[in-house]
Amino acid sequence: MSRLIDAITSHPEVKFFRVLDSRSDRPEKWRLGPLLVDILSDTRADGYYVMKAFHVVPDGTIRGCYIDMSLPERISDYAFFVENASLHFGYHREFPGEIIAAAALDCFGIYELFYSRRRPDVGIDVLRRGLAEAQRKGPIAEDLGYILRDEGRFREAAEVFEIAAAEGPSSYYIYGELAGVYAELGDTKNSEKYSALFKQAEADSR
């Protein structure tokens, strides 16, 4: 168990740290332990973590940093920067540009955690690597599908939304997303198929 800055500097290869003691309101006093995993899953256990992230500055430059991560809610408030053996931290919004996760998460949450509108391929690459490695594909496939949809990459979005649908989506709204991206592709057959599935699931949920 090490202080946050010591844990990060001693284990630069580690993507995730479990926060073992966060009683202090000063993160520099938190105690962390490294986790030797490439993907963090809420099937391991709920908890509070620090994980690698990217800071996409307004000119498109990428800087490495860290963020806090609360599971299973998948909530992050703080970004942490270690420079010249000192720790600088603040809320995400305090840093110009965008801060996104640098490793995939095997749990459902808002996809914007991985979406840089300045450099969308940064988050897309993170999620593609995670999807290839993950045993459970659905959560990562959904994150990736939403970003590809927003970027107008509808064929790729359809492919990964199909993965999520086959495994069991987080909600029936994925059927609606598939109907939409197939409509964009001019694939009427599949658009109608998933539209019907969406309407049936919506009716069953009432």
N, C-alpha and C. Protein backbone atom coordinates (compact mmCIF):
# COMPACT_ATOMS: atom_id res chain seq x y z
N MET A 1 0.85 -1.19 0.00
CA MET A 1 0.00 0.00 0.00
C MET A 1 0.89 1.24 0.00
N SER A 2 0.72 2.11 -1.01
CA SER A 2 1.58 3.28 -1.17
C SER A 2 0.75 4.54 -1.35
N ARG A 3 1.38 5.66 -1.08
CA ARG A 3 0.73 6.93 -1.41
C ARG A 3 0.48 6.99 -2.91
N LEU A 4 -0.51 7.79 -3.31
CA LEU A 4 -0.90 7.86 -4.71
C LEU A 4 0.29 8.15 -5.61
N ILE A 5 1.07 9.16 -5.31
CA ILE A 5 2.18 9.53 -6.19
C ILE A 5 3.25 8.45 -6.21
N ASP A 6 3.48 7.79 -5.09
CA ASP A 6 4.48 6.72 -5.05
C ASP A 6 4.01 5.51 -5.83
N ALA A 7 2.74 5.18 -5.73
CA ALA A 7 2.20 4.04 -6.47
C ALA A 7 2.33 4.26 -7.97
N ILE A 8 1.98 5.45 -8.42
CA ILE A 8 2.02 5.76 -9.85
C ILE A 8 3.45 5.75 -10.37
N THR A 9 4.35 6.39 -9.65
CA THR A 9 5.73 6.48 -10.14
C THR A 9 6.47 5.15 -10.03
N SER A 10 6.08 4.32 -9.07
CA SER A 10 6.74 3.02 -8.90
C SER A 10 6.23 1.97 -9.88
N HIS A 11 5.03 2.18 -10.41
CA HIS A 11 4.42 1.19 -11.31
C HIS A 11 3.89 1.88 -12.57
N PRO A 12 4.77 2.44 -13.38
CA PRO A 12 4.29 3.17 -14.57
C PRO A 12 3.59 2.28 -15.59
N GLU A 13 3.82 0.97 -15.51
CA GLU A 13 3.19 0.05 -16.46
C GLU A 13 1.78 -0.35 -16.06
N VAL A 14 1.39 -0.08 -14.82
CA VAL A 14 0.10 -0.52 -14.29
C VAL A 14 -1.01 0.42 -14.76
N LYS A 15 -2.11 -0.17 -15.22
CA LYS A 15 -3.24 0.62 -15.72
C LYS A 15 -4.24 0.98 -14.63
N PHE A 16 -4.36 0.13 -13.62
CA PHE A 16 -5.38 0.32 -12.58
C PHE A 16 -4.78 0.13 -11.20
N PHE A 17 -5.21 0.98 -10.27
CA PHE A 17 -4.85 0.88 -8.87
C PHE A 17 -6.14 0.88 -8.04
N ARG A 18 -6.20 -0.01 -7.07
CA ARG A 18 -7.32 0.05 -6.13
C ARG A 18 -7.00 1.07 -5.04
N VAL A 19 -7.96 1.93 -4.75
CA VAL A 19 -7.80 2.89 -3.65
C VAL A 19 -8.15 2.16 -2.36
N LEU A 20 -7.16 1.97 -1.52
CA LEU A 20 -7.32 1.21 -0.28
C LEU A 20 -7.67 2.09 0.90
N ASP A 21 -7.32 3.36 0.80
CA ASP A 21 -7.62 4.30 1.89
C ASP A 21 -7.81 5.68 1.28
N SER A 22 -9.05 6.17 1.28
CA SER A 22 -9.33 7.51 0.75
C SER A 22 -10.03 8.37 1.79
N ARG A 23 -9.71 8.13 3.05
CA ARG A 23 -10.39 8.87 4.12
C ARG A 23 -10.03 10.35 4.09
N SER A 24 -8.84 10.67 3.64
CA SER A 24 -8.44 12.07 3.56
C SER A 24 -9.10 12.74 2.35
N ASP A 25 -9.44 14.02 2.49
CA ASP A 25 -9.98 14.76 1.34
C ASP A 25 -8.85 15.29 0.47
N ARG A 26 -7.62 14.91 0.78
CA ARG A 26 -6.45 15.29 -0.02
C ARG A 26 -5.92 14.03 -0.71
N PRO A 27 -6.13 13.91 -2.03
CA PRO A 27 -5.73 12.68 -2.73
C PRO A 27 -4.27 12.30 -2.56
N GLU A 28 -3.39 13.28 -2.33
CA GLU A 28 -1.98 12.92 -2.17
C GLU A 28 -1.76 12.02 -0.95
N LYS A 29 -2.74 11.95 -0.05
CA LYS A 29 -2.62 11.10 1.13
C LYS A 29 -3.32 9.75 0.96
N TRP A 30 -4.00 9.57 -0.15
CA TRP A 30 -4.66 8.28 -0.38
C TRP A 30 -3.62 7.17 -0.46
N ARG A 31 -4.05 5.96 -0.16
CA ARG A 31 -3.20 4.78 -0.26
C ARG A 31 -3.74 3.86 -1.35
N LEU A 32 -2.84 3.43 -2.24
CA LEU A 32 -3.22 2.65 -3.40
C LEU A 32 -2.46 1.33 -3.46
N GLY A 33 -3.06 0.36 -4.12
CA GLY A 33 -2.39 -0.89 -4.43
C GLY A 33 -2.56 -1.21 -5.90
N PRO A 34 -1.52 -1.65 -6.60
CA PRO A 34 -1.61 -1.94 -8.04
C PRO A 34 -2.45 -3.17 -8.32
N LEU A 35 -3.15 -3.14 -9.46
CA LEU A 35 -3.89 -4.29 -9.96
C LEU A 35 -3.26 -4.73 -11.27
N LEU A 36 -2.93 -5.99 -11.37
CA LEU A 36 -2.27 -6.49 -12.57
C LEU A 36 -3.30 -7.01 -13.56
N VAL A 37 -4.12 -6.10 -14.08
CA VAL A 37 -5.15 -6.42 -15.06
C VAL A 37 -5.09 -5.38 -16.18
N ASP A 38 -5.52 -5.79 -17.37
CA ASP A 38 -5.57 -4.87 -18.51
C ASP A 38 -6.95 -4.25 -18.68
N ILE A 39 -7.97 -4.92 -18.14
CA ILE A 39 -9.35 -4.44 -18.21
C ILE A 39 -9.95 -4.56 -16.82
N LEU A 40 -10.59 -3.50 -16.36
CA LEU A 40 -11.20 -3.53 -15.03
C LEU A 40 -12.69 -3.86 -15.19
N SER A 41 -13.13 -4.85 -14.42
CA SER A 41 -14.51 -5.32 -14.53
C SER A 41 -15.25 -5.15 -13.21
N ASP A 42 -16.53 -4.80 -13.30
CA ASP A 42 -17.32 -4.72 -12.08
C ASP A 42 -17.70 -6.11 -11.57
N THR A 43 -17.33 -7.16 -12.32
CA THR A 43 -17.54 -8.51 -11.82
C THR A 43 -16.50 -8.88 -10.76
N ARG A 44 -15.39 -8.14 -10.73
CA ARG A 44 -14.36 -8.39 -9.70
C ARG A 44 -14.90 -7.96 -8.34
N ALA A 45 -15.40 -6.77 -8.29
CA ALA A 45 -15.96 -6.22 -7.06
C ALA A 45 -16.21 -4.74 -7.29
N ASP A 46 -17.20 -4.23 -6.58
CA ASP A 46 -17.38 -2.79 -6.61
C ASP A 46 -16.20 -2.16 -5.89
N GLY A 47 -15.98 -0.88 -6.14
CA GLY A 47 -14.89 -0.24 -5.44
C GLY A 47 -14.47 1.08 -6.04
N TYR A 48 -13.41 1.61 -5.52
CA TYR A 48 -12.89 2.90 -5.92
C TYR A 48 -11.47 2.68 -6.43
N TYR A 49 -11.16 3.28 -7.59
CA TYR A 49 -9.90 3.00 -8.26
C TYR A 49 -9.29 4.29 -8.81
N VAL A 50 -8.01 4.20 -9.17
CA VAL A 50 -7.32 5.21 -9.98
C VAL A 50 -6.82 4.48 -11.21
N MET A 51 -7.01 5.07 -12.39
CA MET A 51 -6.64 4.39 -13.63
C MET A 51 -5.98 5.36 -14.61
N LYS A 52 -5.26 4.78 -15.57
CA LYS A 52 -4.60 5.59 -16.58
C LYS A 52 -5.63 6.29 -17.46
N ALA A 53 -5.23 7.49 -17.94
CA ALA A 53 -6.11 8.28 -18.78
C ALA A 53 -5.28 9.10 -19.75
N PHE A 54 -5.95 9.74 -20.68
CA PHE A 54 -5.31 10.66 -21.62
C PHE A 54 -5.93 12.05 -21.47
N HIS A 55 -5.08 13.05 -21.53
CA HIS A 55 -5.54 14.43 -21.60
C HIS A 55 -5.31 14.90 -23.03
N VAL A 56 -6.41 15.13 -23.75
CA VAL A 56 -6.34 15.64 -25.12
C VAL A 56 -6.44 17.16 -25.03
N VAL A 57 -5.33 17.83 -25.19
CA VAL A 57 -5.31 19.29 -25.04
C VAL A 57 -5.91 19.93 -26.29
N PRO A 58 -6.30 21.21 -26.22
CA PRO A 58 -7.02 21.83 -27.34
C PRO A 58 -6.32 21.77 -28.70
N ASP A 59 -4.98 21.70 -28.71
CA ASP A 59 -4.28 21.61 -30.01
C ASP A 59 -4.17 20.18 -30.51
N GLY A 60 -4.77 19.22 -29.77
CA GLY A 60 -4.76 17.83 -30.18
C GLY A 60 -3.62 17.00 -29.61
N THR A 61 -2.71 17.63 -28.89
CA THR A 61 -1.62 16.90 -28.25
C THR A 61 -2.18 15.98 -27.16
N ILE A 62 -1.54 14.83 -27.00
CA ILE A 62 -1.98 13.86 -26.00
C ILE A 62 -0.98 13.82 -24.84
N ARG A 63 -1.49 13.97 -23.63
CA ARG A 63 -0.67 13.84 -22.43
C ARG A 63 -1.21 12.68 -21.59
N GLY A 64 -0.31 11.95 -20.96
CA GLY A 64 -0.74 10.91 -20.05
C GLY A 64 -1.14 11.49 -18.71
N CYS A 65 -2.15 10.91 -18.09
CA CYS A 65 -2.57 11.32 -16.76
C CYS A 65 -3.31 10.14 -16.13
N TYR A 66 -3.98 10.39 -15.02
CA TYR A 66 -4.77 9.38 -14.33
C TYR A 66 -6.10 10.00 -13.92
N ILE A 67 -7.10 9.15 -13.74
CA ILE A 67 -8.40 9.61 -13.24
C ILE A 67 -8.86 8.67 -12.14
N ASP A 68 -9.76 9.14 -11.29
CA ASP A 68 -10.39 8.25 -10.33
C ASP A 68 -11.55 7.54 -11.02
N MET A 69 -11.96 6.40 -10.49
CA MET A 69 -13.04 5.64 -11.10
C MET A 69 -13.80 4.87 -10.02
N SER A 70 -15.09 5.14 -9.94
CA SER A 70 -15.95 4.45 -8.99
C SER A 70 -16.81 3.44 -9.72
N LEU A 71 -16.74 2.18 -9.29
CA LEU A 71 -17.56 1.11 -9.87
C LEU A 71 -18.56 0.62 -8.83
N PRO A 72 -19.77 0.20 -9.23
CA PRO A 72 -20.17 -0.08 -10.61
C PRO A 72 -20.73 1.12 -11.36
N GLU A 73 -20.84 2.29 -10.72
CA GLU A 73 -21.47 3.43 -11.37
C GLU A 73 -20.67 3.97 -12.55
N ARG A 74 -19.36 3.70 -12.55
CA ARG A 74 -18.44 4.19 -13.57
C ARG A 74 -18.42 5.72 -13.59
N ILE A 75 -18.17 6.27 -12.42
CA ILE A 75 -18.15 7.73 -12.24
C ILE A 75 -16.72 8.17 -12.00
N SER A 76 -16.31 9.25 -12.67
CA SER A 76 -14.99 9.83 -12.46
C SER A 76 -15.14 11.33 -12.27
N ASP A 77 -14.49 11.85 -11.24
CA ASP A 77 -14.54 13.28 -10.96
C ASP A 77 -13.19 13.95 -11.16
N TYR A 78 -12.11 13.28 -10.74
CA TYR A 78 -10.80 13.92 -10.68
C TYR A 78 -9.84 13.42 -11.76
N ALA A 79 -8.94 14.31 -12.14
CA ALA A 79 -7.79 13.95 -12.98
C ALA A 79 -6.53 14.25 -12.18
N PHE A 80 -5.52 13.39 -12.36
CA PHE A 80 -4.27 13.50 -11.61
C PHE A 80 -3.10 13.56 -12.59
N PHE A 81 -2.19 14.48 -12.35
CA PHE A 81 -0.98 14.63 -13.16
C PHE A 81 0.23 14.58 -12.24
N VAL A 82 1.19 13.76 -12.60
CA VAL A 82 2.45 13.69 -11.85
C VAL A 82 3.54 14.31 -12.71
N GLU A 83 4.10 15.40 -12.24
CA GLU A 83 5.14 16.12 -12.98
C GLU A 83 6.22 16.56 -12.01
N ASN A 84 7.46 16.24 -12.35
CA ASN A 84 8.60 16.63 -11.52
C ASN A 84 8.43 16.17 -10.07
N ALA A 85 7.98 14.93 -9.93
CA ALA A 85 7.82 14.29 -8.61
C ALA A 85 6.78 14.99 -7.73
N SER A 86 5.88 15.75 -8.34
CA SER A 86 4.81 16.38 -7.58
C SER A 86 3.46 16.04 -8.22
N LEU A 87 2.43 16.06 -7.40
CA LEU A 87 1.09 15.69 -7.85
C LEU A 87 0.24 16.94 -8.02
N HIS A 88 -0.40 17.04 -9.18
CA HIS A 88 -1.35 18.12 -9.46
C HIS A 88 -2.67 17.47 -9.82
N PHE A 89 -3.75 17.90 -9.20
CA PHE A 89 -5.04 17.27 -9.48
C PHE A 89 -6.15 18.31 -9.45
N GLY A 90 -7.29 17.94 -10.02
CA GLY A 90 -8.46 18.80 -10.04
C GLY A 90 -9.60 18.09 -10.73
N TYR A 91 -10.76 18.75 -10.77
CA TYR A 91 -11.89 18.19 -11.50
C TYR A 91 -11.58 18.17 -13.00
N HIS A 92 -12.16 17.24 -13.71
CA HIS A 92 -11.95 17.14 -15.16
C HIS A 92 -12.12 18.49 -15.85
N ARG A 93 -13.19 19.19 -15.49
CA ARG A 93 -13.54 20.43 -16.18
C ARG A 93 -12.51 21.54 -15.97
N GLU A 94 -11.63 21.37 -15.00
CA GLU A 94 -10.64 22.40 -14.72
C GLU A 94 -9.49 22.39 -15.70
N PHE A 95 -9.39 21.33 -16.50
CA PHE A 95 -8.28 21.21 -17.44
C PHE A 95 -8.79 21.46 -18.86
N PRO A 96 -8.14 22.35 -19.60
CA PRO A 96 -8.59 22.64 -20.97
C PRO A 96 -8.46 21.42 -21.86
N GLY A 97 -9.44 21.21 -22.71
CA GLY A 97 -9.42 20.04 -23.58
C GLY A 97 -10.32 18.96 -23.04
N GLU A 98 -9.93 17.71 -23.25
CA GLU A 98 -10.75 16.56 -22.87
C GLU A 98 -9.89 15.54 -22.13
N ILE A 99 -10.49 14.87 -21.17
CA ILE A 99 -9.83 13.81 -20.44
C ILE A 99 -10.64 12.54 -20.63
N ILE A 100 -9.99 11.49 -21.17
CA ILE A 100 -10.68 10.24 -21.44
C ILE A 100 -9.89 9.07 -20.86
N ALA A 101 -10.58 7.98 -20.61
CA ALA A 101 -9.94 6.78 -20.06
C ALA A 101 -8.98 6.17 -21.07
N ALA A 102 -7.88 5.64 -20.58
CA ALA A 102 -6.86 5.04 -21.44
C ALA A 102 -6.86 3.52 -21.39
N ALA A 103 -7.84 2.93 -20.71
CA ALA A 103 -7.99 1.48 -20.66
C ALA A 103 -9.48 1.17 -20.61
N ALA A 104 -9.85 0.04 -21.19
CA ALA A 104 -11.26 -0.33 -21.28
C ALA A 104 -11.81 -0.79 -19.93
N LEU A 105 -13.13 -0.64 -19.79
CA LEU A 105 -13.83 -1.05 -18.58
C LEU A 105 -14.92 -2.05 -18.95
N ASP A 106 -14.93 -3.17 -18.27
CA ASP A 106 -15.93 -4.19 -18.51
C ASP A 106 -17.12 -3.96 -17.58
N CYS A 107 -17.82 -2.86 -17.84
CA CYS A 107 -19.04 -2.52 -17.12
C CYS A 107 -19.73 -1.41 -17.92
N PHE A 108 -21.00 -1.26 -17.71
CA PHE A 108 -21.77 -0.30 -18.50
C PHE A 108 -21.70 1.09 -17.87
N GLY A 109 -21.73 2.11 -18.73
CA GLY A 109 -21.71 3.49 -18.28
C GLY A 109 -21.74 4.42 -19.47
N ILE A 110 -21.55 5.71 -19.23
CA ILE A 110 -21.62 6.68 -20.31
C ILE A 110 -20.40 6.54 -21.23
N TYR A 111 -20.66 6.49 -22.53
CA TYR A 111 -19.58 6.25 -23.48
C TYR A 111 -18.66 7.44 -23.64
N GLU A 112 -19.12 8.64 -23.24
CA GLU A 112 -18.28 9.83 -23.35
C GLU A 112 -16.99 9.72 -22.55
N LEU A 113 -16.94 8.78 -21.62
CA LEU A 113 -15.71 8.55 -20.86
C LEU A 113 -14.55 8.21 -21.78
N PHE A 114 -14.86 7.70 -22.99
CA PHE A 114 -13.83 7.30 -23.95
C PHE A 114 -13.83 8.16 -25.22
N TYR A 115 -14.64 9.19 -25.25
CA TYR A 115 -14.87 9.90 -26.51
C TYR A 115 -14.22 11.28 -26.51
N SER A 116 -13.15 11.40 -27.28
CA SER A 116 -12.55 12.70 -27.56
C SER A 116 -13.04 13.17 -28.92
N ARG A 117 -13.73 14.27 -28.94
CA ARG A 117 -14.21 14.79 -30.22
C ARG A 117 -13.08 15.41 -31.04
N ARG A 118 -12.01 15.83 -30.37
CA ARG A 118 -10.84 16.33 -31.09
C ARG A 118 -10.03 15.19 -31.72
N ARG A 119 -9.90 14.11 -30.98
CA ARG A 119 -9.10 12.96 -31.42
C ARG A 119 -9.89 11.67 -31.18
N PRO A 120 -10.97 11.45 -31.91
CA PRO A 120 -11.82 10.29 -31.63
C PRO A 120 -11.10 8.96 -31.73
N ASP A 121 -10.11 8.85 -32.60
CA ASP A 121 -9.43 7.57 -32.76
C ASP A 121 -8.64 7.15 -31.51
N VAL A 122 -8.34 8.09 -30.64
CA VAL A 122 -7.63 7.73 -29.41
C VAL A 122 -8.50 6.80 -28.57
N GLY A 123 -9.72 7.21 -28.29
CA GLY A 123 -10.63 6.36 -27.53
C GLY A 123 -11.06 5.13 -28.29
N ILE A 124 -11.25 5.27 -29.60
CA ILE A 124 -11.63 4.11 -30.42
C ILE A 124 -10.55 3.03 -30.34
N ASP A 125 -9.30 3.43 -30.40
CA ASP A 125 -8.20 2.46 -30.31
C ASP A 125 -8.18 1.78 -28.93
N VAL A 126 -8.41 2.55 -27.87
CA VAL A 126 -8.46 1.97 -26.53
C VAL A 126 -9.54 0.89 -26.47
N LEU A 127 -10.71 1.20 -27.01
CA LEU A 127 -11.83 0.27 -26.93
C LEU A 127 -11.64 -0.93 -27.86
N ARG A 128 -11.05 -0.73 -29.02
CA ARG A 128 -10.80 -1.88 -29.91
C ARG A 128 -9.83 -2.87 -29.26
N ARG A 129 -8.80 -2.36 -28.62
CA ARG A 129 -7.86 -3.25 -27.93
C ARG A 129 -8.57 -3.98 -26.79
N GLY A 130 -9.38 -3.24 -26.05
CA GLY A 130 -10.11 -3.86 -24.96
C GLY A 130 -11.09 -4.91 -25.44
N LEU A 131 -11.77 -4.62 -26.54
CA LEU A 131 -12.74 -5.57 -27.09
C LEU A 131 -12.06 -6.87 -27.50
N ALA A 132 -10.87 -6.77 -28.07
CA ALA A 132 -10.14 -7.95 -28.50
C ALA A 132 -9.72 -8.81 -27.31
N GLU A 133 -9.45 -8.18 -26.16
CA GLU A 133 -8.93 -8.89 -25.00
C GLU A 133 -10.02 -9.37 -24.04
N ALA A 134 -11.17 -8.71 -24.06
CA ALA A 134 -12.20 -8.95 -23.04
C ALA A 134 -12.88 -10.30 -23.23
N GLN A 135 -13.20 -10.94 -22.13
CA GLN A 135 -14.01 -12.15 -22.19
C GLN A 135 -15.48 -11.79 -22.38
N ARG A 136 -15.96 -10.81 -21.64
CA ARG A 136 -17.31 -10.31 -21.83
C ARG A 136 -17.21 -9.10 -22.75
N LYS A 137 -17.87 -9.15 -23.90
CA LYS A 137 -17.69 -8.15 -24.94
C LYS A 137 -18.69 -7.00 -24.88
N GLY A 138 -19.89 -7.25 -24.36
CA GLY A 138 -20.99 -6.31 -24.50
C GLY A 138 -20.74 -4.88 -24.06
N PRO A 139 -20.26 -4.65 -22.83
CA PRO A 139 -20.08 -3.27 -22.38
C PRO A 139 -19.11 -2.47 -23.25
N ILE A 140 -18.00 -3.09 -23.62
CA ILE A 140 -17.01 -2.38 -24.44
C ILE A 140 -17.55 -2.17 -25.85
N ALA A 141 -18.25 -3.17 -26.39
CA ALA A 141 -18.85 -3.04 -27.72
C ALA A 141 -19.84 -1.88 -27.76
N GLU A 142 -20.62 -1.71 -26.71
CA GLU A 142 -21.58 -0.61 -26.68
C GLU A 142 -20.87 0.74 -26.67
N ASP A 143 -19.84 0.89 -25.82
CA ASP A 143 -19.08 2.15 -25.80
C ASP A 143 -18.54 2.46 -27.20
N LEU A 144 -17.96 1.47 -27.82
CA LEU A 144 -17.35 1.65 -29.14
C LEU A 144 -18.41 1.96 -30.18
N GLY A 145 -19.53 1.28 -30.12
CA GLY A 145 -20.60 1.51 -31.09
C GLY A 145 -21.14 2.93 -31.05
N TYR A 146 -21.33 3.46 -29.86
CA TYR A 146 -21.85 4.82 -29.74
C TYR A 146 -20.88 5.85 -30.32
N ILE A 147 -19.59 5.67 -30.07
CA ILE A 147 -18.61 6.61 -30.61
C ILE A 147 -18.57 6.52 -32.14
N LEU A 148 -18.54 5.30 -32.67
CA LEU A 148 -18.52 5.12 -34.12
C LEU A 148 -19.79 5.70 -34.76
N ARG A 149 -20.92 5.52 -34.09
CA ARG A 149 -22.16 6.13 -34.59
C ARG A 149 -22.05 7.65 -34.64
N ASP A 150 -21.57 8.24 -33.57
CA ASP A 150 -21.44 9.71 -33.53
C ASP A 150 -20.46 10.22 -34.58
N GLU A 151 -19.48 9.40 -34.92
CA GLU A 151 -18.50 9.78 -35.93
C GLU A 151 -18.96 9.47 -37.35
N GLY A 152 -20.18 8.96 -37.49
CA GLY A 152 -20.71 8.65 -38.82
C GLY A 152 -20.11 7.41 -39.45
N ARG A 153 -19.49 6.57 -38.65
CA ARG A 153 -18.87 5.33 -39.15
C ARG A 153 -19.86 4.19 -38.92
N PHE A 154 -20.94 4.22 -39.71
CA PHE A 154 -22.10 3.39 -39.43
C PHE A 154 -21.84 1.90 -39.64
N ARG A 155 -21.05 1.52 -40.64
CA ARG A 155 -20.78 0.10 -40.85
C ARG A 155 -20.05 -0.48 -39.65
N GLU A 156 -19.03 0.22 -39.17
CA GLU A 156 -18.30 -0.25 -38.00
C GLU A 156 -19.18 -0.26 -36.76
N ALA A 157 -20.04 0.76 -36.64
CA ALA A 157 -20.96 0.81 -35.50
C ALA A 157 -21.90 -0.38 -35.51
N ALA A 158 -22.42 -0.73 -36.68
CA ALA A 158 -23.31 -1.88 -36.78
C ALA A 158 -22.61 -3.16 -36.34
N GLU A 159 -21.36 -3.33 -36.73
CA GLU A 159 -20.62 -4.54 -36.40
C GLU A 159 -20.47 -4.72 -34.89
N VAL A 160 -20.15 -3.64 -34.19
CA VAL A 160 -19.94 -3.79 -32.75
C VAL A 160 -21.25 -3.78 -31.97
N PHE A 161 -22.26 -3.05 -32.44
CA PHE A 161 -23.58 -3.14 -31.80
C PHE A 161 -24.13 -4.56 -31.94
N GLU A 162 -23.83 -5.23 -33.05
CA GLU A 162 -24.25 -6.62 -33.23
C GLU A 162 -23.62 -7.51 -32.16
N ILE A 163 -22.36 -7.25 -31.83
CA ILE A 163 -21.69 -8.01 -30.78
C ILE A 163 -22.42 -7.83 -29.45
N ALA A 164 -22.78 -6.58 -29.13
CA ALA A 164 -23.48 -6.29 -27.89
C ALA A 164 -24.85 -6.96 -27.87
N ALA A 165 -25.56 -6.90 -28.99
CA ALA A 165 -26.90 -7.49 -29.06
C ALA A 165 -26.84 -9.00 -28.91
N ALA A 166 -25.84 -9.63 -29.51
CA ALA A 166 -25.72 -11.09 -29.45
C ALA A 166 -25.40 -11.56 -28.03
N GLU A 167 -24.61 -10.79 -27.31
CA GLU A 167 -24.22 -11.19 -25.95
C GLU A 167 -25.30 -10.88 -24.93
N GLY A 168 -26.11 -9.87 -25.23
CA GLY A 168 -27.12 -9.42 -24.29
C GLY A 168 -26.88 -7.97 -23.95
N PRO A 169 -27.60 -7.05 -24.60
CA PRO A 169 -27.32 -5.61 -24.44
C PRO A 169 -27.73 -5.11 -23.07
N SER A 170 -27.22 -3.92 -22.73
CA SER A 170 -27.56 -3.31 -21.44
C SER A 170 -29.04 -2.93 -21.40
N SER A 171 -29.62 -2.63 -22.56
CA SER A 171 -31.04 -2.33 -22.66
C SER A 171 -31.50 -2.55 -24.09
N TYR A 172 -32.80 -2.57 -24.29
CA TYR A 172 -33.33 -2.78 -25.63
C TYR A 172 -33.06 -1.60 -26.56
N TYR A 173 -32.56 -0.50 -26.02
CA TYR A 173 -32.23 0.66 -26.88
C TYR A 173 -31.15 0.32 -27.90
N ILE A 174 -30.34 -0.70 -27.61
CA ILE A 174 -29.34 -1.11 -28.59
C ILE A 174 -30.01 -1.58 -29.88
N TYR A 175 -31.19 -2.20 -29.77
CA TYR A 175 -31.92 -2.58 -30.99
C TYR A 175 -32.30 -1.34 -31.79
N GLY A 176 -32.67 -0.28 -31.08
CA GLY A 176 -32.97 0.97 -31.77
C GLY A 176 -31.75 1.56 -32.45
N GLU A 177 -30.60 1.45 -31.79
CA GLU A 177 -29.36 1.93 -32.40
C GLU A 177 -29.03 1.13 -33.66
N LEU A 178 -29.21 -0.18 -33.59
CA LEU A 178 -28.96 -1.00 -34.77
C LEU A 178 -29.92 -0.66 -35.91
N ALA A 179 -31.18 -0.43 -35.56
CA ALA A 179 -32.14 -0.03 -36.60
C ALA A 179 -31.70 1.26 -37.25
N GLY A 180 -31.19 2.19 -36.44
CA GLY A 180 -30.76 3.49 -36.97
C GLY A 180 -29.54 3.41 -37.85
N VAL A 181 -28.51 2.67 -37.41
CA VAL A 181 -27.29 2.62 -38.22
C VAL A 181 -27.52 1.83 -39.51
N TYR A 182 -28.37 0.80 -39.47
CA TYR A 182 -28.67 0.08 -40.71
C TYR A 182 -29.49 0.95 -41.66
N ALA A 183 -30.35 1.80 -41.11
CA ALA A 183 -31.09 2.73 -41.97
C ALA A 183 -30.13 3.70 -42.65
N GLU A 184 -29.11 4.16 -41.92
CA GLU A 184 -28.10 5.05 -42.51
C GLU A 184 -27.34 4.35 -43.63
N LEU A 185 -27.19 3.03 -43.51
CA LEU A 185 -26.46 2.26 -44.52
C LEU A 185 -27.35 1.83 -45.69
N GLY A 186 -28.64 2.14 -45.58
CA GLY A 186 -29.57 1.74 -46.64
C GLY A 186 -29.93 0.27 -46.59
N ASP A 187 -29.67 -0.37 -45.43
CA ASP A 187 -29.98 -1.79 -45.27
C ASP A 187 -31.37 -1.90 -44.65
N THR A 188 -32.39 -1.87 -45.50
CA THR A 188 -33.77 -1.84 -45.03
C THR A 188 -34.14 -3.11 -44.27
N LYS A 189 -33.67 -4.24 -44.73
CA LYS A 189 -34.02 -5.51 -44.10
C LYS A 189 -33.59 -5.54 -42.64
N ASN A 190 -32.34 -5.23 -42.38
CA ASN A 190 -31.85 -5.25 -41.01
C ASN A 190 -32.42 -4.10 -40.18
N SER A 191 -32.64 -2.96 -40.80
CA SER A 191 -33.24 -1.85 -40.09
C SER A 191 -34.63 -2.22 -39.59
N GLU A 192 -35.40 -2.84 -40.44
CA GLU A 192 -36.76 -3.25 -40.06
C GLU A 192 -36.73 -4.36 -39.01
N LYS A 193 -35.77 -5.27 -39.15
CA LYS A 193 -35.63 -6.35 -38.17
C LYS A 193 -35.40 -5.80 -36.77
N TYR A 194 -34.45 -4.88 -36.64
CA TYR A 194 -34.13 -4.37 -35.31
C TYR A 194 -35.15 -3.36 -34.82
N SER A 195 -35.81 -2.71 -35.73
CA SER A 195 -36.91 -1.82 -35.32
C SER A 195 -38.03 -2.64 -34.70
N ALA A 196 -38.32 -3.80 -35.29
CA ALA A 196 -39.35 -4.67 -34.74
C ALA A 196 -38.94 -5.21 -33.37
N LEU A 197 -37.68 -5.59 -33.23
CA LEU A 197 -37.20 -6.06 -31.94
C LEU A 197 -37.28 -4.97 -30.88
N PHE A 198 -36.94 -3.76 -31.28
CA PHE A 198 -37.01 -2.63 -30.35
C PHE A 198 -38.45 -2.41 -29.88
N LYS A 199 -39.38 -2.39 -30.83
CA LYS A 199 -40.78 -2.13 -30.48
C LYS A 199 -41.34 -3.24 -29.59
N GLN A 200 -40.97 -4.48 -29.88
CA GLN A 200 -41.45 -5.59 -29.06
C GLN A 200 -40.89 -5.52 -27.65
N ALA A 201 -39.59 -5.23 -27.55
CA ALA A 201 -38.98 -5.13 -26.21
C ALA A 201 -39.54 -3.95 -25.44
N GLU A 202 -39.81 -2.86 -26.13
CA GLU A 202 -40.41 -1.69 -25.48
C GLU A 202 -41.79 -2.04 -24.95
N ALA A 203 -42.59 -2.76 -25.75
CA ALA A 203 -43.92 -3.16 -25.31
C ALA A 203 -43.86 -4.12 -24.12
N ASP A 204 -42.88 -5.04 -24.16
CA ASP A 204 -42.75 -6.01 -23.07
C ASP A 204 -42.32 -5.35 -21.76
N SER A 205 -41.66 -4.21 -21.85
CA SER A 205 -41.16 -3.54 -20.64
C SER A 205 -42.23 -2.74 -19.92
N ARG A 206 -43.37 -2.56 -20.56
CA ARG A 206 -44.42 -1.74 -19.94
C ARG A 206 -45.21 -2.55 -18.90
